[in-house]
Protein backbone atom coordinates (compact mmCIF):
# COMPACT_ATOMS: atom_id res chain seq x y z
CA UNK A 1 0.00 0.00 0.00
CA UNK A 2 1.33 3.41 -0.95
CA UNK A 3 1.08 5.99 1.83
CA UNK A 4 1.16 9.73 1.18
CA UNK A 5 1.73 12.16 4.03
CA UNK A 6 0.37 15.65 3.32
CA UNK A 7 1.79 18.50 5.37
CA UNK A 8 0.82 22.15 5.22
CA UNK A 9 3.33 24.62 6.59
CA UNK A 10 3.50 28.38 6.94
CA UNK A 11 6.99 29.56 7.81
CA UNK A 12 8.38 26.01 8.16
CA UNK A 13 9.73 26.70 11.65
CA UNK A 14 9.15 23.17 13.00
CA UNK A 15 9.24 21.18 9.76
CA UNK A 16 12.60 19.58 10.55
CA UNK A 17 11.18 17.81 13.62
CA UNK A 18 8.28 16.39 11.62
CA UNK A 19 10.53 15.15 8.82
CA UNK A 20 12.81 13.44 11.34
CA UNK A 21 9.77 11.70 12.82
CA UNK A 22 8.61 10.59 9.37
CA UNK A 23 12.09 9.29 8.57
CA UNK A 24 11.97 7.08 11.66
CA UNK A 25 8.58 5.48 10.89
CA UNK A 26 8.39 1.69 10.95
CA UNK A 27 6.36 1.96 7.73
CA UNK A 28 8.00 4.52 5.46
CA UNK A 29 5.77 6.92 3.53
CA UNK A 30 5.81 6.53 -0.25
CA UNK A 31 5.83 10.30 -0.52
CA UNK A 32 5.66 13.39 1.64
CA UNK A 33 3.70 16.20 0.01
CA UNK A 34 4.75 19.52 1.53
CA UNK A 35 2.47 22.46 0.76
CA UNK A 36 4.44 25.46 1.97
CA UNK A 37 3.87 29.18 2.26
CA UNK A 38 6.52 31.72 3.23
CA UNK A 39 9.32 29.14 3.37
CA UNK A 40 12.83 28.89 1.99
CA UNK A 41 12.43 26.18 -0.66
CA UNK A 42 16.15 25.37 -0.77
CA UNK A 43 16.12 24.75 3.00
CA UNK A 44 13.09 22.44 2.67
CA UNK A 45 14.73 20.43 -0.11
CA UNK A 46 17.84 20.12 2.07
CA UNK A 47 15.73 18.84 5.00
CA UNK A 48 14.10 16.23 2.75
CA UNK A 49 17.48 15.13 1.46
CA UNK A 50 19.05 14.88 4.92
CA UNK A 51 16.11 12.74 6.09
CA UNK A 52 16.14 10.61 2.91
CA UNK A 53 12.44 11.26 2.24
CA UNK A 54 10.69 11.32 -1.13
CA UNK A 55 9.27 14.84 -0.91
CA UNK A 56 7.05 16.71 -3.32
CA UNK A 57 7.27 20.42 -2.50
CA UNK A 58 4.47 22.73 -3.65
CA UNK A 59 4.59 26.45 -2.94
CA UNK A 60 1.20 27.84 -1.95
CA UNK A 61 0.72 31.32 -3.40
CA UNK A 62 -2.62 32.20 -1.79
CA UNK A 63 -5.30 30.83 0.50
CA UNK A 64 -5.30 29.35 3.95
CA UNK A 65 -5.07 25.92 5.59
CA UNK A 66 -8.02 24.36 3.77
CA UNK A 67 -6.58 25.50 0.43
CA UNK A 68 -3.26 23.90 1.36
CA UNK A 69 -4.99 20.63 2.27
CA UNK A 70 -6.83 20.59 -1.05
CA UNK A 71 -3.60 21.26 -2.95
CA UNK A 72 -1.94 18.41 -1.06
CA UNK A 73 -4.84 16.07 -1.75
CA UNK A 74 -4.56 16.77 -5.49
CA UNK A 75 -0.80 16.14 -5.47
CA UNK A 76 -0.87 12.97 -3.36
CA UNK A 77 -0.56 9.69 -5.25
CA UNK A 78 -0.92 7.20 -2.38
CA UNK A 79 -3.67 4.69 -1.68
CA UNK A 80 -3.87 6.17 1.81
CA UNK A 81 -3.46 9.89 2.45
CA UNK A 82 -2.57 11.06 5.95
CA UNK A 83 -2.85 14.77 6.75
CA UNK A 84 -0.72 16.24 9.50
CA UNK A 85 0.60 19.57 10.73
CA UNK A 86 4.20 20.68 10.42
CA UNK A 87 4.60 20.90 14.19
CA UNK A 88 3.49 17.31 14.89
CA UNK A 89 6.11 14.80 16.00
CA UNK A 90 5.07 11.31 14.94
CA UNK A 91 5.60 8.22 17.05
CA UNK A 92 7.69 5.55 15.32
CA UNK A 93 4.64 3.38 14.56
CA UNK A 94 2.13 6.09 13.62
CA UNK A 95 2.09 5.31 9.88
CA UNK A 96 1.96 1.55 10.52
CA UNK A 97 -0.93 2.13 12.93
CA UNK A 98 -2.82 4.06 10.24
CA UNK A 99 -2.36 1.38 7.59
CA UNK A 100 -3.40 -1.41 9.98
CA UNK A 101 -6.49 0.49 11.11
CA UNK A 102 -8.27 0.60 7.75
CA UNK A 103 -10.90 -1.87 8.93
CA UNK A 104 -12.29 0.64 11.41
CA UNK A 105 -14.54 3.58 10.66
CA UNK A 106 -12.41 6.31 12.19
CA UNK A 107 -8.83 6.38 13.33
CA UNK A 108 -6.47 9.10 14.35
CA UNK A 109 -3.29 9.79 16.20
CA UNK A 110 -1.29 12.59 17.69
CA UNK A 111 2.15 12.66 19.22
CA UNK A 112 0.84 11.16 22.43
CA UNK A 113 -2.32 9.14 21.69
CA UNK A 114 -4.11 6.84 19.24
CA UNK A 115 -7.86 6.55 18.70
CA UNK A 116 -10.00 3.87 17.08
CA UNK A 117 -13.73 3.85 16.51
CA UNK A 118 -15.40 0.94 14.78
CA UNK A 119 -18.96 2.31 14.67
CA UNK A 120 -20.10 0.25 17.65
CA UNK A 121 -19.32 -3.12 16.04
């Protein structure tokens, strides 16, 4: 299964921490789609290279968070698309958890917790 991680970032202040967390996932993402606004593109490409991640960098010219998410959704090629913020730090098994949880109705995770909901089944 191909997994795309979509990240929206304005200013890219914490992006390095997120990319390090994605690098250390037990299930590696097939691609990381970075929709950025007000960021140094050369610095972002360097971060992706240092973390050995297959990044697609898209510069957002206008709009807000929902626009960035829609841009990322259009760019993502994976069977599973995971949206996250640039200041999230992912646990080492967060991507694996997401791919294994497809049988449930709703799943989610943050840096400190995981949630499953199977619709009462």
